[in-house]
Amino acid sequence: MAGERRAVRPVRPMRRATDHLPRRRWLAWLLLLAGLAMLWTAYELGQANAGYNRLQALREKRRLASELTAAQTEAQRLREQLAVLSTESKVKAEAYRRVEIQLAELQARIQQQSEEIAFYQGIVGADQQAGLRVQDLQIEPGAGPDEFRLRLVLAQALRSDSRVSGRVELVVEGEQDGQPRSLALADLTGGGAKSLDFSFRYFQNLQAELRFPEGFDPRRVTVRLLPRGKRPRNVEESFDWRPAAG
């Protein structure tokens, strides 16, 4: 088949790689521009969000600062009010203390005046009794446990214009170590005066500081009035030992 002819195909011209370069470049530029657009959009959104957050933070800061100022103002007002109340309380307490002192002094004065009125009333009421007498006897605690102060009030009738003079003897009766014992004034004053002298027209106050021996329990005190004169009339009276509350 040498005589047969082979069909000859037309040869297509070969495309060069350089034909696709412009198209790829445009595609790359488009992708680059799209990326830049996305980055710019993200940046703008970030800036917007950041600005919004800063604005919110600034508003919150201002609100908290305003609340803090209000709280500080209220705290200062309360401190000032507390200081005023404290001062008023101290002033009121001091005024109340002064009133208490004045009231106590007034009550003591009233008590003293009442006792004086009762004393003079006793003298006036007993004026019908002629002669010398023991108008009052009081026993007060002394500085020590066995020390006492004895107060005497001697009187005579107010219608008597004559002065009476004499001396007073005291004897305290009690027990010591279970045995009865009597102590004279000299035994109770450390060997001092044996009696108390008096001289008055209407009345006179006398007192004596007494000190008992340890263990002595006083029960009664006897007062003897020994006036001087042409016809003296001695007076003797006994009283229970009842000290006033110390």
C-alpha atoms as a PDB file:
ATOM      1  CA  MET A   1       0.000   0.000   0.000  1.00  0.00           C
ATOM      2  CA  ALA A   2       2.718   2.073  -0.882  1.00  0.00           C
ATOM      3  CA  GLY A   3       0.495   3.897  -3.188  1.00  0.00           C
ATOM      4  CA  GLU A   4      -1.923   5.010  -0.479  1.00  0.00           C
ATOM      5  CA  ARG A   5      -1.674   8.546   0.883  1.00  0.00           C
ATOM      6  CA  ARG A   6      -1.894   9.371   4.483  1.00  0.00           C
ATOM      7  CA  ALA A   7      -4.154  12.135   5.450  1.00  0.00           C
ATOM      8  CA  VAL A   8      -2.164  15.014   6.692  1.00  0.00           C
ATOM      9  CA  ARG A   9      -3.743  16.877   9.749  1.00  0.00           C
ATOM     10  CA  PRO A  10      -3.235  20.540   9.906  1.00  0.00           C
ATOM     11  CA  VAL A  11      -0.817  21.540  12.581  1.00  0.00           C
ATOM     12  CA  ARG A  12      -2.328  23.954  15.210  1.00  0.00           C
ATOM     13  CA  PRO A  13      -0.123  26.757  16.225  1.00  0.00           C
ATOM     14  CA  MET A  14       1.171  26.419  19.897  1.00  0.00           C
ATOM     15  CA  ARG A  15      -0.008  29.020  22.431  1.00  0.00           C
ATOM     16  CA  ARG A  16       2.681  30.690  24.441  1.00  0.00           C
ATOM     17  CA  ALA A  17       2.505  31.079  28.269  1.00  0.00           C
ATOM     18  CA  THR A  18       2.915  34.751  27.848  1.00  0.00           C
ATOM     19  CA  ASP A  19      -0.660  34.969  26.566  1.00  0.00           C
ATOM     20  CA  HIS A  20      -2.090  34.377  30.167  1.00  0.00           C
ATOM     21  CA  LEU A  21       0.123  36.830  32.094  1.00  0.00           C
ATOM     22  CA  PRO A  22      -2.051  39.965  31.745  1.00  0.00           C
ATOM     23  CA  ARG A  23      -5.124  38.114  32.899  1.00  0.00           C
ATOM     24  CA  ARG A  24      -3.343  36.708  35.988  1.00  0.00           C
ATOM     25  CA  ARG A  25      -1.995  40.102  36.855  1.00  0.00           C
ATOM     26  CA  TRP A  26      -5.427  41.652  36.801  1.00  0.00           C
ATOM     27  CA  LEU A  27      -6.754  38.844  38.963  1.00  0.00           C
ATOM     28  CA  ALA A  28      -3.955  39.376  41.483  1.00  0.00           C
ATOM     29  CA  TRP A  29      -4.652  43.119  41.572  1.00  0.00           C
ATOM     30  CA  LEU A  30      -8.340  42.469  42.101  1.00  0.00           C
ATOM     31  CA  LEU A  31      -7.599  40.085  44.984  1.00  0.00           C
ATOM     32  CA  LEU A  32      -5.207  42.579  46.495  1.00  0.00           C
ATOM     33  CA  LEU A  33      -7.730  45.387  46.241  1.00  0.00           C
ATOM     34  CA  ALA A  34     -10.423  43.164  47.760  1.00  0.00           C
ATOM     35  CA  GLY A  35      -8.107  42.304  50.691  1.00  0.00           C
ATOM     36  CA  LEU A  36      -7.252  45.918  51.228  1.00  0.00           C
ATOM     37  CA  ALA A  37     -10.928  46.804  51.167  1.00  0.00           C
ATOM     38  CA  MET A  38     -11.647  44.140  53.762  1.00  0.00           C
ATOM     39  CA  LEU A  39      -8.784  45.346  55.949  1.00  0.00           C
ATOM     40  CA  TRP A  40      -9.986  48.961  55.685  1.00  0.00           C
ATOM     41  CA  THR A  41     -13.532  47.935  56.532  1.00  0.00           C
ATOM     42  CA  ALA A  42     -12.312  45.960  59.566  1.00  0.00           C
ATOM     43  CA  TYR A  43     -10.154  48.911  60.669  1.00  0.00           C
ATOM     44  CA  GLU A  44     -13.085  51.336  60.391  1.00  0.00           C
ATOM     45  CA  LEU A  45     -15.309  48.974  62.355  1.00  0.00           C
ATOM     46  CA  GLY A  46     -12.607  48.608  65.017  1.00  0.00           C
ATOM     47  CA  GLN A  47     -12.209  52.337  65.265  1.00  0.00           C
ATOM     48  CA  ALA A  48     -15.947  52.763  65.591  1.00  0.00           C
ATOM     49  CA  ASN A  49     -16.201  50.125  68.300  1.00  0.00           C
ATOM     50  CA  ALA A  50     -13.201  51.551  70.111  1.00  0.00           C
ATOM     51  CA  GLY A  51     -14.718  55.011  70.027  1.00  0.00           C
ATOM     52  CA  TYR A  52     -18.005  53.654  71.346  1.00  0.00           C
ATOM     53  CA  ASN A  53     -16.229  51.806  74.166  1.00  0.00           C
ATOM     54  CA  ARG A  54     -14.226  54.905  75.107  1.00  0.00           C
ATOM     55  CA  LEU A  55     -17.411  56.942  75.183  1.00  0.00           C
ATOM     56  CA  GLN A  56     -19.135  54.403  77.403  1.00  0.00           C
ATOM     57  CA  ALA A  57     -16.119  54.234  79.705  1.00  0.00           C
ATOM     58  CA  LEU A  58     -16.029  58.023  79.934  1.00  0.00           C
ATOM     59  CA  ARG A  59     -19.730  58.146  80.758  1.00  0.00           C
ATOM     60  CA  GLU A  60     -19.339  55.425  83.421  1.00  0.00           C
ATOM     61  CA  LYS A  61     -16.340  57.239  84.905  1.00  0.00           C
ATOM     62  CA  ARG A  62     -18.297  60.484  85.107  1.00  0.00           C
ATOM     63  CA  ARG A  63     -21.260  58.708  86.728  1.00  0.00           C
ATOM     64  CA  LEU A  64     -19.066  57.016  89.329  1.00  0.00           C
ATOM     65  CA  ALA A  65     -17.227  60.296  90.013  1.00  0.00           C
ATOM     66  CA  SER A  66     -20.563  62.036  90.538  1.00  0.00           C
ATOM     67  CA  GLU A  67     -21.756  59.288  92.902  1.00  0.00           C
ATOM     68  CA  LEU A  68     -18.457  59.424  94.798  1.00  0.00           C
ATOM     69  CA  THR A  69     -18.735  63.184  95.224  1.00  0.00           C
ATOM     70  CA  ALA A  70     -22.296  62.822  96.478  1.00  0.00           C
ATOM     71  CA  ALA A  71     -21.241  60.068  98.909  1.00  0.00           C
ATOM     72  CA  GLN A  72     -18.340  62.158 100.198  1.00  0.00           C
ATOM     73  CA  THR A  73     -20.652  65.140 100.676  1.00  0.00           C
ATOM     74  CA  GLU A  74     -23.154  63.001 102.592  1.00  0.00           C
ATOM     75  CA  ALA A  75     -20.370  61.507 104.739  1.00  0.00           C
ATOM     76  CA  GLN A  76     -19.106  64.989 105.602  1.00  0.00           C
ATOM     77  CA  ARG A  77     -22.634  66.080 106.476  1.00  0.00           C
ATOM     78  CA  LEU A  78     -23.066  63.060 108.728  1.00  0.00           C
ATOM     79  CA  ARG A  79     -19.695  63.697 110.410  1.00  0.00           C
ATOM     80  CA  GLU A  80     -20.689  67.299 111.079  1.00  0.00           C
ATOM     81  CA  GLN A  81     -24.070  66.197 112.416  1.00  0.00           C
ATOM     82  CA  LEU A  82     -22.372  63.608 114.637  1.00  0.00           C
ATOM     83  CA  ALA A  83     -19.994  66.267 115.981  1.00  0.00           C
ATOM     84  CA  VAL A  84     -22.931  68.566 116.732  1.00  0.00           C
ATOM     85  CA  LEU A  85     -24.822  65.760 118.457  1.00  0.00           C
ATOM     86  CA  SER A  86     -21.732  64.791 120.422  1.00  0.00           C
ATOM     87  CA  THR A  87     -21.224  68.376 121.534  1.00  0.00           C
ATOM     88  CA  GLU A  88     -24.885  68.728 122.440  1.00  0.00           C
ATOM     89  CA  SER A  89     -24.720  65.440 124.331  1.00  0.00           C
ATOM     90  CA  LYS A  90     -21.688  66.612 126.303  1.00  0.00           C
ATOM     91  CA  VAL A  91     -23.331  69.956 126.997  1.00  0.00           C
ATOM     92  CA  LYS A  92     -26.536  68.259 128.073  1.00  0.00           C
ATOM     93  CA  ALA A  93     -24.619  65.753 130.205  1.00  0.00           C
ATOM     94  CA  GLU A  94     -22.659  68.570 131.852  1.00  0.00           C
ATOM     95  CA  ALA A  95     -25.832  70.583 132.414  1.00  0.00           C
ATOM     96  CA  TYR A  96     -27.556  67.506 133.813  1.00  0.00           C
ATOM     97  CA  ARG A  97     -24.582  66.841 136.112  1.00  0.00           C
ATOM     98  CA  ARG A  98     -24.668  70.437 137.367  1.00  0.00           C
ATOM     99  CA  VAL A  99     -28.403  70.219 137.983  1.00  0.00           C
ATOM    100  CA  GLU A 100     -27.853  66.962 139.875  1.00  0.00           C
ATOM    101  CA  ILE A 101     -25.185  68.607 142.036  1.00  0.00           C
ATOM    102  CA  GLN A 102     -27.373  71.628 142.693  1.00  0.00           C
ATOM    103  CA  LEU A 103     -30.313  69.375 143.499  1.00  0.00           C
ATOM    104  CA  ALA A 104     -28.200  67.304 145.907  1.00  0.00           C
ATOM    105  CA  GLU A 105     -26.948  70.472 147.587  1.00  0.00           C
ATOM    106  CA  LEU A 106     -30.493  71.809 147.809  1.00  0.00           C
ATOM    107  CA  GLN A 107     -31.759  68.544 149.275  1.00  0.00           C
ATOM    108  CA  ALA A 108     -28.915  68.558 151.809  1.00  0.00           C
ATOM    109  CA  ARG A 109     -29.755  72.146 152.721  1.00  0.00           C
ATOM    110  CA  ILE A 110     -33.446  71.275 153.057  1.00  0.00           C
ATOM    111  CA  GLN A 111     -32.530  68.308 155.228  1.00  0.00           C
ATOM    112  CA  GLN A 112     -30.304  70.472 157.391  1.00  0.00           C
ATOM    113  CA  GLN A 113     -32.956  73.158 157.694  1.00  0.00           C
ATOM    114  CA  SER A 114     -35.571  70.538 158.519  1.00  0.00           C
ATOM    115  CA  GLU A 115     -33.344  69.158 161.238  1.00  0.00           C
ATOM    116  CA  GLU A 116     -32.718  72.651 162.584  1.00  0.00           C
ATOM    117  CA  ILE A 117     -36.448  73.397 162.536  1.00  0.00           C
ATOM    118  CA  ALA A 118     -37.124  70.125 164.314  1.00  0.00           C
ATOM    119  CA  PHE A 119     -34.399  70.994 166.818  1.00  0.00           C
ATOM    120  CA  TYR A 120     -35.810  74.427 167.596  1.00  0.00           C
ATOM    121  CA  GLN A 121     -39.319  73.011 167.588  1.00  0.00           C
ATOM    122  CA  GLY A 122     -38.133  70.513 170.148  1.00  0.00           C
ATOM    123  CA  ILE A 123     -36.710  73.288 172.264  1.00  0.00           C
ATOM    124  CA  VAL A 124     -39.879  75.346 171.999  1.00  0.00           C
ATOM    125  CA  GLY A 125     -42.106  72.332 172.562  1.00  0.00           C
ATOM    126  CA  ALA A 126     -40.143  71.309 175.604  1.00  0.00           C
ATOM    127  CA  ASP A 127     -40.019  74.822 177.014  1.00  0.00           C
ATOM    128  CA  GLN A 128     -42.528  73.865 179.658  1.00  0.00           C
ATOM    129  CA  GLN A 129     -39.909  71.543 181.090  1.00  0.00           C
ATOM    130  CA  ALA A 130     -37.879  73.679 183.424  1.00  0.00           C
ATOM    131  CA  GLY A 131     -34.260  72.874 184.035  1.00  0.00           C
ATOM    132  CA  LEU A 132     -31.328  71.363 182.171  1.00  0.00           C
ATOM    133  CA  ARG A 133     -31.738  68.489 179.688  1.00  0.00           C
ATOM    134  CA  VAL A 134     -30.144  66.578 176.799  1.00  0.00           C
ATOM    135  CA  GLN A 135     -32.004  67.894 173.766  1.00  0.00           C
ATOM    136  CA  ASP A 136     -30.326  65.650 171.187  1.00  0.00           C
ATOM    137  CA  LEU A 137     -27.599  62.998 170.865  1.00  0.00           C
ATOM    138  CA  GLN A 138     -26.128  61.808 167.579  1.00  0.00           C
ATOM    139  CA  ILE A 139     -23.432  59.206 166.879  1.00  0.00           C
ATOM    140  CA  GLU A 140     -21.501  59.379 163.598  1.00  0.00           C
ATOM    141  CA  PRO A 141     -18.863  56.984 162.232  1.00  0.00           C
ATOM    142  CA  GLY A 142     -15.302  58.243 162.426  1.00  0.00           C
ATOM    143  CA  ALA A 143     -12.271  57.700 160.205  1.00  0.00           C
ATOM    144  CA  GLY A 144     -11.461  54.220 161.501  1.00  0.00           C
ATOM    145  CA  PRO A 145     -13.561  51.103 162.169  1.00  0.00           C
ATOM    146  CA  ASP A 146     -13.562  51.688 165.957  1.00  0.00           C
ATOM    147  CA  GLU A 147     -13.781  55.488 165.854  1.00  0.00           C
ATOM    148  CA  PHE A 148     -16.928  57.562 166.362  1.00  0.00           C
ATOM    149  CA  ARG A 149     -17.975  61.180 166.806  1.00  0.00           C
ATOM    150  CA  LEU A 150     -20.571  61.859 169.491  1.00  0.00           C
ATOM    151  CA  ARG A 151     -22.601  65.072 169.238  1.00  0.00           C
ATOM    152  CA  LEU A 152     -24.628  66.451 172.130  1.00  0.00           C
ATOM    153  CA  VAL A 153     -27.124  69.285 172.270  1.00  0.00           C
ATOM    154  CA  LEU A 154     -27.858  70.586 175.751  1.00  0.00           C
ATOM    155  CA  ALA A 155     -30.742  72.947 176.399  1.00  0.00           C
ATOM    156  CA  GLN A 156     -32.814  74.594 179.084  1.00  0.00           C
ATOM    157  CA  ALA A 157     -36.129  76.466 179.066  1.00  0.00           C
ATOM    158  CA  LEU A 158     -36.168  79.519 176.788  1.00  0.00           C
ATOM    159  CA  ARG A 159     -37.899  81.574 179.476  1.00  0.00           C
ATOM    160  CA  SER A 160     -34.891  81.060 181.675  1.00  0.00           C
ATOM    161  CA  ASP A 161     -32.530  84.028 181.454  1.00  0.00           C
ATOM    162  CA  SER A 162     -29.920  82.597 183.786  1.00  0.00           C
ATOM    163  CA  ARG A 163     -26.749  81.001 182.456  1.00  0.00           C
ATOM    164  CA  VAL A 164     -26.106  77.390 183.434  1.00  0.00           C
ATOM    165  CA  SER A 165     -22.590  75.939 183.633  1.00  0.00           C
ATOM    166  CA  GLY A 166     -21.157  72.565 184.536  1.00  0.00           C
ATOM    167  CA  ARG A 167     -19.656  69.440 183.044  1.00  0.00           C
ATOM    168  CA  VAL A 168     -20.776  66.353 181.121  1.00  0.00           C
ATOM    169  CA  GLU A 169     -19.677  62.828 181.926  1.00  0.00           C
ATOM    170  CA  LEU A 170     -20.095  59.970 179.425  1.00  0.00           C
ATOM    171  CA  VAL A 171     -20.114  56.239 180.030  1.00  0.00           C
ATOM    172  CA  VAL A 172     -20.437  53.729 177.179  1.00  0.00           C
ATOM    173  CA  GLU A 173     -21.674  50.266 178.132  1.00  0.00           C
ATOM    174  CA  GLY A 174     -21.057  47.215 175.980  1.00  0.00           C
ATOM    175  CA  GLU A 175     -19.360  43.838 175.732  1.00  0.00           C
ATOM    176  CA  GLN A 176     -15.822  42.685 175.056  1.00  0.00           C
ATOM    177  CA  ASP A 177     -14.773  39.055 174.721  1.00  0.00           C
ATOM    178  CA  GLY A 178     -18.255  38.063 175.868  1.00  0.00           C
ATOM    179  CA  GLN A 179     -18.028  40.048 179.089  1.00  0.00           C
ATOM    180  CA  PRO A 180     -19.867  43.294 179.990  1.00  0.00           C
ATOM    181  CA  ARG A 181     -17.638  46.358 180.097  1.00  0.00           C
ATOM    182  CA  SER A 182     -18.122  50.066 180.770  1.00  0.00           C
ATOM    183  CA  LEU A 183     -15.816  52.739 179.366  1.00  0.00           C
ATOM    184  CA  ALA A 184     -15.675  56.331 180.624  1.00  0.00           C
ATOM    185  CA  LEU A 185     -14.862  59.337 178.470  1.00  0.00           C
ATOM    186  CA  ALA A 186     -11.205  59.257 179.541  1.00  0.00           C
ATOM    187  CA  ASP A 187     -10.973  55.619 178.326  1.00  0.00           C
ATOM    188  CA  LEU A 188     -12.321  56.604 174.941  1.00  0.00           C
ATOM    189  CA  THR A 189     -10.201  59.718 174.323  1.00  0.00           C
ATOM    190  CA  GLY A 190      -6.787  58.209 174.930  1.00  0.00           C
ATOM    191  CA  GLY A 191      -6.478  59.444 178.519  1.00  0.00           C
ATOM    192  CA  GLY A 192      -7.567  62.951 177.617  1.00  0.00           C
ATOM    193  CA  ALA A 193     -10.487  64.878 179.079  1.00  0.00           C
ATOM    194  CA  LYS A 194     -12.542  63.107 181.678  1.00  0.00           C
ATOM    195  CA  SER A 195     -15.564  65.301 180.996  1.00  0.00           C
ATOM    196  CA  LEU A 196     -16.918  68.018 178.705  1.00  0.00           C
ATOM    197  CA  ASP A 197     -17.569  71.512 180.029  1.00  0.00           C
ATOM    198  CA  PHE A 198     -20.661  73.472 179.152  1.00  0.00           C
ATOM    199  CA  SER A 199     -21.904  76.986 179.781  1.00  0.00           C
ATOM    200  CA  PHE A 200     -24.929  78.461 178.008  1.00  0.00           C
ATOM    201  CA  ARG A 201     -28.186  80.327 178.428  1.00  0.00           C
ATOM    202  CA  TYR A 202     -30.516  78.549 176.008  1.00  0.00           C
ATOM    203  CA  PHE A 203     -28.637  75.674 174.293  1.00  0.00           C
ATOM    204  CA  GLN A 204     -25.141  74.488 173.402  1.00  0.00           C
ATOM    205  CA  ASN A 205     -23.576  71.969 171.001  1.00  0.00           C
ATOM    206  CA  LEU A 206     -20.843  69.646 172.269  1.00  0.00           C
ATOM    207  CA  GLN A 207     -18.930  66.867 170.575  1.00  0.00           C
ATOM    208  CA  ALA A 208     -16.337  64.250 171.468  1.00  0.00           C
ATOM    209  CA  GLU A 209     -14.111  61.990 169.366  1.00  0.00           C
ATOM    210  CA  LEU A 210     -14.290  58.430 170.690  1.00  0.00           C
ATOM    211  CA  ARG A 211     -12.030  55.486 169.985  1.00  0.00           C
ATOM    212  CA  PHE A 212     -12.991  52.041 171.274  1.00  0.00           C
ATOM    213  CA  PRO A 213     -10.543  49.248 172.022  1.00  0.00           C
ATOM    214  CA  GLU A 214     -10.478  46.473 169.441  1.00  0.00           C
ATOM    215  CA  GLY A 215     -13.225  43.934 169.983  1.00  0.00           C
ATOM    216  CA  PHE A 216     -15.425  46.223 172.076  1.00  0.00           C
ATOM    217  CA  ASP A 217     -19.123  46.159 171.115  1.00  0.00           C
ATOM    218  CA  PRO A 218     -20.949  49.314 172.372  1.00  0.00           C
ATOM    219  CA  ARG A 219     -24.616  48.966 173.340  1.00  0.00           C
ATOM    220  CA  ARG A 220     -25.640  52.063 175.329  1.00  0.00           C
ATOM    221  CA  VAL A 221     -24.292  55.467 176.261  1.00  0.00           C
ATOM    222  CA  THR A 222     -25.173  57.261 179.485  1.00  0.00           C
ATOM    223  CA  VAL A 223     -24.909  61.041 179.721  1.00  0.00           C
ATOM    224  CA  ARG A 224     -24.624  62.748 183.098  1.00  0.00           C
ATOM    225  CA  LEU A 225     -25.076  66.516 183.343  1.00  0.00           C
ATOM    226  CA  LEU A 226     -23.483  67.956 186.457  1.00  0.00           C
ATOM    227  CA  PRO A 227     -24.323  71.668 186.739  1.00  0.00           C
ATOM    228  CA  ARG A 228     -22.649  73.993 189.186  1.00  0.00           C
ATOM    229  CA  GLY A 229     -24.555  76.246 191.572  1.00  0.00           C
ATOM    230  CA  LYS A 230     -26.087  76.579 194.988  1.00  0.00           C
ATOM    231  CA  ARG A 231     -28.709  73.939 194.438  1.00  0.00           C
ATOM    232  CA  PRO A 232     -27.506  71.894 191.436  1.00  0.00           C
ATOM    233  CA  ARG A 233     -29.832  69.356 189.942  1.00  0.00           C
ATOM    234  CA  ASN A 234     -27.954  66.586 188.174  1.00  0.00           C
ATOM    235  CA  VAL A 235     -29.437  65.029 185.041  1.00  0.00           C
ATOM    236  CA  GLU A 236     -28.776  61.494 183.779  1.00  0.00           C
ATOM    237  CA  GLU A 237     -30.118  60.077 180.520  1.00  0.00           C
ATOM    238  CA  SER A 238     -29.308  56.859 178.626  1.00  0.00           C
ATOM    239  CA  PHE A 239     -29.479  56.255 174.879  1.00  0.00           C
ATOM    240  CA  ASP A 240     -29.108  53.167 172.707  1.00  0.00           C
ATOM    241  CA  TRP A 241     -25.910  53.079 170.680  1.00  0.00           C
ATOM    242  CA  ARG A 242     -27.230  53.710 167.179  1.00  0.00           C
ATOM    243  CA  PRO A 243     -24.652  55.254 164.847  1.00  0.00           C
ATOM    244  CA  ALA A 244     -25.928  57.105 161.802  1.00  0.00           C
ATOM    245  CA  ALA A 245     -25.237  55.540 158.429  1.00  0.00           C
ATOM    246  CA  GLY A 246     -21.742  56.473 157.214  1.00  0.00           C
END
